[in-house]
Amino acid sequence: MAYRYLEHMTDAFIEVTANTLEEAFENAGISVVDTILDIRSVEEKIEKKIEVSGKDLNNLLYSWLEEVIIITITEGFVTKRFFVNLEKNNGYKLVAILKGEEIDVEKHHFKVEIKAPTFHLMEIKQGKQVIMRFLLDL
């Protein structure tokens, strides 16, 4: 597993590890979906493309997490796999291909609703591995 849940009293505190920044964003997306429902039950039937941007990596991560939540909860599309491409100019732009299907509450076993990501406790460390930590308000 490329992510794990850290201890927190009321919210989902997640740590993602990856070899690249793109892989870290993919794993962050998967962790959000798997927090909301059982990602193992999702099939790759539909492909969607999304774009988000941010002035720095923390803002990009926030926008990314928020977009994954919106697509899942509001639009009713559950993603099994993410394919992320990052671009850096004056800020950051993330373009992602999502593979999944429309939500079926019985099939996908809803767990919990995420209200929003937060900047509280958010960090991104880039070294031999990329480590991301972020908090999701439940």
N, C-alpha and C. Protein backbone atom coordinates (compact mmCIF):
# COMPACT_ATOMS: atom_id res chain seq x y z
N MET A 1 0.85 -1.18 0.00
CA MET A 1 0.00 0.00 0.00
C MET A 1 0.89 1.24 0.00
N ALA A 2 0.58 2.19 -0.82
CA ALA A 2 1.40 3.39 -0.97
C ALA A 2 0.91 4.53 -0.08
N TYR A 3 -0.04 4.25 0.78
CA TYR A 3 -0.51 5.23 1.75
C TYR A 3 -0.93 4.52 3.03
N ARG A 4 -0.96 5.30 4.10
CA ARG A 4 -1.43 4.74 5.36
C ARG A 4 -2.12 5.84 6.15
N TYR A 5 -2.98 5.41 7.04
CA TYR A 5 -3.70 6.34 7.91
C TYR A 5 -2.89 6.54 9.18
N LEU A 6 -2.65 7.80 9.51
CA LEU A 6 -1.97 8.15 10.75
C LEU A 6 -3.03 8.45 11.81
N GLU A 7 -2.64 8.39 13.05
CA GLU A 7 -3.61 8.63 14.13
C GLU A 7 -4.05 10.08 14.18
N HIS A 8 -5.37 10.25 14.27
CA HIS A 8 -5.96 11.57 14.46
C HIS A 8 -7.31 11.35 15.12
N MET A 9 -7.67 12.25 16.03
CA MET A 9 -8.89 12.05 16.83
C MET A 9 -10.17 12.06 16.02
N THR A 10 -10.30 12.99 15.07
CA THR A 10 -11.60 13.16 14.41
C THR A 10 -11.57 13.08 12.89
N ASP A 11 -10.43 13.27 12.28
CA ASP A 11 -10.36 13.34 10.83
C ASP A 11 -9.47 12.24 10.25
N ALA A 12 -9.40 12.16 8.94
CA ALA A 12 -8.52 11.19 8.27
C ALA A 12 -7.18 11.88 8.00
N PHE A 13 -6.13 11.41 8.65
CA PHE A 13 -4.78 11.94 8.48
C PHE A 13 -4.01 10.89 7.69
N ILE A 14 -3.60 11.24 6.47
CA ILE A 14 -3.04 10.27 5.54
C ILE A 14 -1.60 10.61 5.19
N GLU A 15 -0.78 9.56 5.12
CA GLU A 15 0.60 9.71 4.65
C GLU A 15 0.77 8.87 3.39
N VAL A 16 1.25 9.53 2.34
CA VAL A 16 1.46 8.89 1.05
C VAL A 16 2.96 8.82 0.80
N THR A 17 3.44 7.69 0.28
CA THR A 17 4.84 7.57 -0.13
C THR A 17 4.88 7.14 -1.59
N ALA A 18 5.89 7.65 -2.30
CA ALA A 18 6.01 7.34 -3.73
C ALA A 18 7.43 7.61 -4.19
N ASN A 19 7.74 7.10 -5.36
CA ASN A 19 9.06 7.34 -5.95
C ASN A 19 9.14 8.67 -6.70
N THR A 20 7.99 9.15 -7.20
CA THR A 20 7.95 10.41 -7.94
C THR A 20 6.80 11.26 -7.43
N LEU A 21 6.85 12.53 -7.77
CA LEU A 21 5.78 13.44 -7.39
C LEU A 21 4.46 13.04 -8.06
N GLU A 22 4.52 12.65 -9.33
CA GLU A 22 3.30 12.22 -10.03
C GLU A 22 2.68 11.01 -9.35
N GLU A 23 3.50 10.05 -8.99
CA GLU A 23 3.00 8.85 -8.30
C GLU A 23 2.41 9.21 -6.94
N ALA A 24 3.01 10.17 -6.26
CA ALA A 24 2.48 10.62 -4.96
C ALA A 24 1.08 11.21 -5.13
N PHE A 25 0.88 12.02 -6.16
CA PHE A 25 -0.45 12.59 -6.40
C PHE A 25 -1.44 11.48 -6.78
N GLU A 26 -1.01 10.50 -7.57
CA GLU A 26 -1.89 9.37 -7.89
C GLU A 26 -2.30 8.63 -6.63
N ASN A 27 -1.33 8.35 -5.75
CA ASN A 27 -1.62 7.63 -4.51
C ASN A 27 -2.51 8.46 -3.57
N ALA A 28 -2.32 9.77 -3.57
CA ALA A 28 -3.18 10.64 -2.77
C ALA A 28 -4.63 10.54 -3.25
N GLY A 29 -4.81 10.55 -4.57
CA GLY A 29 -6.16 10.40 -5.13
C GLY A 29 -6.79 9.07 -4.74
N ILE A 30 -6.02 8.00 -4.84
CA ILE A 30 -6.52 6.68 -4.46
C ILE A 30 -6.90 6.65 -2.98
N SER A 31 -6.09 7.26 -2.13
CA SER A 31 -6.37 7.26 -0.69
C SER A 31 -7.68 7.99 -0.38
N VAL A 32 -7.97 9.05 -1.12
CA VAL A 32 -9.22 9.79 -0.92
C VAL A 32 -10.41 8.91 -1.30
N VAL A 33 -10.35 8.31 -2.48
CA VAL A 33 -11.45 7.45 -2.93
C VAL A 33 -11.65 6.29 -1.96
N ASP A 34 -10.55 5.67 -1.52
CA ASP A 34 -10.65 4.52 -0.62
C ASP A 34 -11.13 4.92 0.77
N THR A 35 -10.98 6.16 1.14
CA THR A 35 -11.54 6.65 2.41
C THR A 35 -13.06 6.76 2.30
N ILE A 36 -13.54 7.15 1.13
CA ILE A 36 -14.98 7.34 0.92
C ILE A 36 -15.71 6.01 0.73
N LEU A 37 -15.11 5.09 -0.03
CA LEU A 37 -15.76 3.81 -0.32
C LEU A 37 -14.72 2.73 -0.58
N ASP A 38 -15.17 1.52 -0.86
CA ASP A 38 -14.27 0.40 -1.09
C ASP A 38 -13.76 0.42 -2.53
N ILE A 39 -12.54 0.91 -2.71
CA ILE A 39 -11.97 1.06 -4.06
C ILE A 39 -11.75 -0.29 -4.75
N ARG A 40 -11.64 -1.36 -3.98
CA ARG A 40 -11.43 -2.69 -4.57
C ARG A 40 -12.62 -3.14 -5.40
N SER A 41 -13.80 -2.58 -5.14
CA SER A 41 -15.00 -2.98 -5.87
C SER A 41 -15.23 -2.17 -7.15
N VAL A 42 -14.35 -1.22 -7.43
CA VAL A 42 -14.52 -0.34 -8.58
C VAL A 42 -13.94 -0.98 -9.84
N GLU A 43 -14.67 -0.83 -10.95
CA GLU A 43 -14.20 -1.32 -12.25
C GLU A 43 -13.83 -0.13 -13.13
N GLU A 44 -12.89 -0.34 -14.04
CA GLU A 44 -12.43 0.70 -14.96
C GLU A 44 -13.26 0.66 -16.24
N LYS A 45 -14.44 1.28 -16.21
CA LYS A 45 -15.35 1.25 -17.36
C LYS A 45 -15.35 2.56 -18.14
N ILE A 46 -15.06 3.67 -17.44
CA ILE A 46 -15.14 5.00 -18.04
C ILE A 46 -13.83 5.74 -17.79
N GLU A 47 -13.46 6.58 -18.75
CA GLU A 47 -12.26 7.39 -18.59
C GLU A 47 -12.65 8.87 -18.58
N LYS A 48 -12.09 9.63 -17.64
CA LYS A 48 -12.31 11.08 -17.56
C LYS A 48 -10.98 11.78 -17.49
N LYS A 49 -10.97 13.04 -17.90
CA LYS A 49 -9.77 13.85 -17.82
C LYS A 49 -10.09 15.08 -16.98
N ILE A 50 -9.18 15.41 -16.05
CA ILE A 50 -9.35 16.62 -15.25
C ILE A 50 -8.04 17.38 -15.18
N GLU A 51 -8.15 18.67 -14.87
CA GLU A 51 -6.99 19.53 -14.69
C GLU A 51 -7.19 20.37 -13.45
N VAL A 52 -6.13 20.53 -12.67
CA VAL A 52 -6.12 21.44 -11.53
C VAL A 52 -4.79 22.18 -11.53
N SER A 53 -4.78 23.31 -10.85
CA SER A 53 -3.53 24.08 -10.77
C SER A 53 -3.37 24.66 -9.38
N GLY A 54 -2.14 25.08 -9.09
CA GLY A 54 -1.84 25.68 -7.80
C GLY A 54 -0.57 26.51 -7.91
N LYS A 55 -0.48 27.52 -7.06
CA LYS A 55 0.69 28.40 -7.11
C LYS A 55 1.94 27.73 -6.58
N ASP A 56 1.77 26.71 -5.73
CA ASP A 56 2.88 25.90 -5.22
C ASP A 56 2.37 24.48 -5.01
N LEU A 57 3.23 23.59 -4.55
CA LEU A 57 2.82 22.18 -4.41
C LEU A 57 1.73 21.97 -3.37
N ASN A 58 1.77 22.70 -2.26
CA ASN A 58 0.71 22.55 -1.25
C ASN A 58 -0.64 22.99 -1.80
N ASN A 59 -0.67 24.10 -2.53
CA ASN A 59 -1.92 24.55 -3.14
C ASN A 59 -2.39 23.57 -4.21
N LEU A 60 -1.46 23.00 -4.95
CA LEU A 60 -1.81 22.00 -5.96
C LEU A 60 -2.39 20.76 -5.30
N LEU A 61 -1.77 20.31 -4.21
CA LEU A 61 -2.28 19.13 -3.49
C LEU A 61 -3.68 19.40 -2.96
N TYR A 62 -3.90 20.56 -2.37
CA TYR A 62 -5.23 20.92 -1.86
C TYR A 62 -6.26 20.88 -3.00
N SER A 63 -5.93 21.54 -4.12
CA SER A 63 -6.86 21.57 -5.26
C SER A 63 -7.14 20.17 -5.80
N TRP A 64 -6.10 19.34 -5.84
CA TRP A 64 -6.23 17.95 -6.31
C TRP A 64 -7.17 17.16 -5.40
N LEU A 65 -6.93 17.20 -4.10
CA LEU A 65 -7.76 16.46 -3.16
C LEU A 65 -9.21 16.94 -3.23
N GLU A 66 -9.39 18.25 -3.32
CA GLU A 66 -10.73 18.82 -3.41
C GLU A 66 -11.45 18.35 -4.67
N GLU A 67 -10.74 18.32 -5.78
CA GLU A 67 -11.34 17.89 -7.05
C GLU A 67 -11.72 16.40 -7.01
N VAL A 68 -10.88 15.57 -6.42
CA VAL A 68 -11.20 14.14 -6.30
C VAL A 68 -12.45 13.95 -5.44
N ILE A 69 -12.57 14.71 -4.36
CA ILE A 69 -13.76 14.64 -3.50
C ILE A 69 -15.00 15.07 -4.27
N ILE A 70 -14.90 16.17 -5.00
CA ILE A 70 -16.04 16.69 -5.78
C ILE A 70 -16.48 15.67 -6.83
N ILE A 71 -15.53 15.12 -7.56
CA ILE A 71 -15.87 14.14 -8.60
C ILE A 71 -16.55 12.92 -7.98
N THR A 72 -16.07 12.50 -6.82
CA THR A 72 -16.63 11.31 -6.19
C THR A 72 -17.99 11.59 -5.55
N ILE A 73 -18.05 12.57 -4.66
CA ILE A 73 -19.28 12.83 -3.89
C ILE A 73 -20.34 13.56 -4.72
N THR A 74 -19.96 14.63 -5.39
CA THR A 74 -20.93 15.47 -6.10
C THR A 74 -21.30 14.92 -7.47
N GLU A 75 -20.29 14.50 -8.23
CA GLU A 75 -20.57 14.02 -9.59
C GLU A 75 -20.88 12.53 -9.64
N GLY A 76 -20.61 11.79 -8.56
CA GLY A 76 -20.95 10.38 -8.52
C GLY A 76 -20.09 9.49 -9.39
N PHE A 77 -18.84 9.89 -9.59
CA PHE A 77 -17.90 9.08 -10.37
C PHE A 77 -16.80 8.58 -9.44
N VAL A 78 -16.60 7.28 -9.40
CA VAL A 78 -15.60 6.69 -8.52
C VAL A 78 -14.42 6.19 -9.36
N THR A 79 -13.23 6.60 -8.94
CA THR A 79 -12.02 6.30 -9.71
C THR A 79 -11.26 5.13 -9.10
N LYS A 80 -10.83 4.22 -9.95
CA LYS A 80 -9.99 3.09 -9.54
C LYS A 80 -8.51 3.43 -9.68
N ARG A 81 -8.16 4.08 -10.83
CA ARG A 81 -6.76 4.44 -11.08
C ARG A 81 -6.65 5.85 -11.63
N PHE A 82 -5.57 6.50 -11.25
CA PHE A 82 -5.26 7.85 -11.70
C PHE A 82 -3.94 7.81 -12.47
N PHE A 83 -3.87 8.57 -13.56
CA PHE A 83 -2.64 8.72 -14.32
C PHE A 83 -2.35 10.22 -14.37
N VAL A 84 -1.33 10.65 -13.62
CA VAL A 84 -1.06 12.07 -13.40
C VAL A 84 0.15 12.54 -14.18
N ASN A 85 0.03 13.73 -14.76
CA ASN A 85 1.15 14.42 -15.40
C ASN A 85 1.24 15.82 -14.79
N LEU A 86 2.42 16.20 -14.32
CA LEU A 86 2.63 17.52 -13.71
C LEU A 86 3.43 18.41 -14.64
N GLU A 87 3.05 19.68 -14.65
CA GLU A 87 3.78 20.70 -15.39
C GLU A 87 4.10 21.84 -14.44
N LYS A 88 5.32 22.38 -14.55
CA LYS A 88 5.69 23.51 -13.70
C LYS A 88 6.07 24.69 -14.59
N ASN A 89 5.37 25.81 -14.41
CA ASN A 89 5.70 27.06 -15.08
C ASN A 89 5.79 28.12 -13.98
N ASN A 90 4.88 29.08 -13.97
CA ASN A 90 4.82 30.05 -12.88
C ASN A 90 4.26 29.42 -11.62
N GLY A 91 3.53 28.37 -11.78
CA GLY A 91 2.97 27.58 -10.70
C GLY A 91 2.99 26.12 -11.14
N TYR A 92 2.02 25.37 -10.71
CA TYR A 92 1.93 23.96 -11.08
C TYR A 92 0.58 23.68 -11.72
N LYS A 93 0.62 22.79 -12.69
CA LYS A 93 -0.61 22.31 -13.34
C LYS A 93 -0.56 20.79 -13.33
N LEU A 94 -1.67 20.19 -12.95
CA LEU A 94 -1.80 18.74 -12.92
C LEU A 94 -2.88 18.35 -13.91
N VAL A 95 -2.54 17.46 -14.82
CA VAL A 95 -3.50 16.90 -15.76
C VAL A 95 -3.59 15.41 -15.44
N ALA A 96 -4.81 14.92 -15.25
CA ALA A 96 -4.97 13.51 -14.85
C ALA A 96 -6.03 12.82 -15.68
N ILE A 97 -5.76 11.57 -15.97
CA ILE A 97 -6.74 10.66 -16.57
C ILE A 97 -7.23 9.77 -15.43
N LEU A 98 -8.54 9.70 -15.29
CA LEU A 98 -9.18 8.89 -14.25
C LEU A 98 -9.89 7.73 -14.91
N LYS A 99 -9.71 6.55 -14.36
CA LYS A 99 -10.41 5.37 -14.87
C LYS A 99 -11.27 4.80 -13.75
N GLY A 100 -12.57 4.69 -14.03
CA GLY A 100 -13.49 4.20 -13.01
C GLY A 100 -14.88 4.00 -13.57
N GLU A 101 -15.89 4.29 -12.73
CA GLU A 101 -17.28 4.08 -13.13
C GLU A 101 -18.20 4.95 -12.28
N GLU A 102 -19.47 4.97 -12.67
CA GLU A 102 -20.47 5.68 -11.88
C GLU A 102 -20.64 4.97 -10.54
N ILE A 103 -20.90 5.74 -9.49
CA ILE A 103 -21.05 5.16 -8.15
C ILE A 103 -22.33 4.34 -8.06
N ASP A 104 -22.19 3.17 -7.45
CA ASP A 104 -23.31 2.31 -7.07
C ASP A 104 -23.11 2.07 -5.58
N VAL A 105 -23.95 2.69 -4.76
CA VAL A 105 -23.77 2.67 -3.31
C VAL A 105 -23.71 1.25 -2.75
N GLU A 106 -24.52 0.35 -3.28
CA GLU A 106 -24.50 -1.04 -2.79
C GLU A 106 -23.23 -1.76 -3.21
N LYS A 107 -22.82 -1.57 -4.43
CA LYS A 107 -21.63 -2.26 -4.95
C LYS A 107 -20.34 -1.73 -4.31
N HIS A 108 -20.26 -0.41 -4.15
CA HIS A 108 -19.01 0.21 -3.72
C HIS A 108 -18.87 0.41 -2.21
N HIS A 109 -19.88 0.05 -1.44
CA HIS A 109 -19.80 0.03 0.03
C HIS A 109 -19.30 1.35 0.61
N PHE A 110 -20.17 2.35 0.60
CA PHE A 110 -19.88 3.68 1.12
C PHE A 110 -19.38 3.58 2.57
N LYS A 111 -18.29 4.29 2.87
CA LYS A 111 -17.70 4.29 4.21
C LYS A 111 -17.99 5.58 4.97
N VAL A 112 -17.53 6.71 4.41
CA VAL A 112 -17.66 7.99 5.11
C VAL A 112 -17.61 9.13 4.10
N GLU A 113 -18.24 10.24 4.44
CA GLU A 113 -18.20 11.41 3.57
C GLU A 113 -17.08 12.35 4.02
N ILE A 114 -16.32 12.83 3.06
CA ILE A 114 -15.27 13.80 3.34
C ILE A 114 -15.83 15.18 3.04
N LYS A 115 -15.71 16.10 4.01
CA LYS A 115 -16.18 17.48 3.79
C LYS A 115 -15.21 18.23 2.89
N ALA A 116 -13.91 18.17 3.25
CA ALA A 116 -12.92 18.94 2.50
C ALA A 116 -11.52 18.58 2.96
N PRO A 117 -10.53 18.83 2.10
CA PRO A 117 -9.14 18.74 2.57
C PRO A 117 -8.83 19.99 3.39
N THR A 118 -7.74 19.97 4.12
CA THR A 118 -7.32 21.16 4.87
C THR A 118 -5.83 21.38 4.64
N PHE A 119 -5.39 22.59 4.91
CA PHE A 119 -3.96 22.88 4.86
C PHE A 119 -3.28 22.50 6.17
N HIS A 120 -4.09 22.31 7.22
CA HIS A 120 -3.55 21.94 8.54
C HIS A 120 -2.80 20.61 8.46
N LEU A 121 -1.58 20.58 8.92
CA LEU A 121 -0.70 19.40 8.94
C LEU A 121 -0.25 18.94 7.55
N MET A 122 -0.54 19.72 6.51
CA MET A 122 -0.14 19.33 5.15
C MET A 122 1.36 19.56 4.97
N GLU A 123 2.02 18.54 4.41
CA GLU A 123 3.43 18.69 4.07
C GLU A 123 3.79 17.78 2.91
N ILE A 124 4.77 18.24 2.12
CA ILE A 124 5.29 17.47 1.00
C ILE A 124 6.80 17.50 1.11
N LYS A 125 7.42 16.33 1.28
CA LYS A 125 8.87 16.23 1.37
C LYS A 125 9.37 15.47 0.15
N GLN A 126 10.34 16.06 -0.54
CA GLN A 126 10.92 15.41 -1.71
C GLN A 126 12.38 15.08 -1.42
N GLY A 127 12.69 13.81 -1.45
CA GLY A 127 14.05 13.32 -1.26
C GLY A 127 14.20 12.06 -2.07
N LYS A 128 14.78 11.03 -1.44
CA LYS A 128 14.88 9.74 -2.11
C LYS A 128 13.49 9.23 -2.49
N GLN A 129 12.54 9.49 -1.60
CA GLN A 129 11.13 9.22 -1.88
C GLN A 129 10.34 10.50 -1.64
N VAL A 130 9.17 10.57 -2.23
CA VAL A 130 8.26 11.68 -1.97
C VAL A 130 7.32 11.24 -0.86
N ILE A 131 7.20 12.08 0.16
CA ILE A 131 6.28 11.80 1.26
C ILE A 131 5.31 12.97 1.37
N MET A 132 4.02 12.65 1.33
CA MET A 132 2.97 13.66 1.49
C MET A 132 2.16 13.30 2.72
N ARG A 133 1.81 14.33 3.46
CA ARG A 133 0.86 14.14 4.57
C ARG A 133 -0.22 15.19 4.43
N PHE A 134 -1.45 14.76 4.66
CA PHE A 134 -2.57 15.70 4.57
C PHE A 134 -3.73 15.20 5.43
N LEU A 135 -4.56 16.16 5.79
CA LEU A 135 -5.70 15.91 6.66
C LEU A 135 -6.98 16.13 5.87
N LEU A 136 -7.91 15.19 5.98
CA LEU A 136 -9.22 15.31 5.36
C LEU A 136 -10.27 15.50 6.45
N ASP A 137 -11.02 16.58 6.36
CA ASP A 137 -12.07 16.88 7.34
C ASP A 137 -13.28 16.00 7.07
N LEU A 138 -13.61 15.15 8.03
CA LEU A 138 -14.72 14.22 7.85
C LEU A 138 -16.01 14.79 8.44
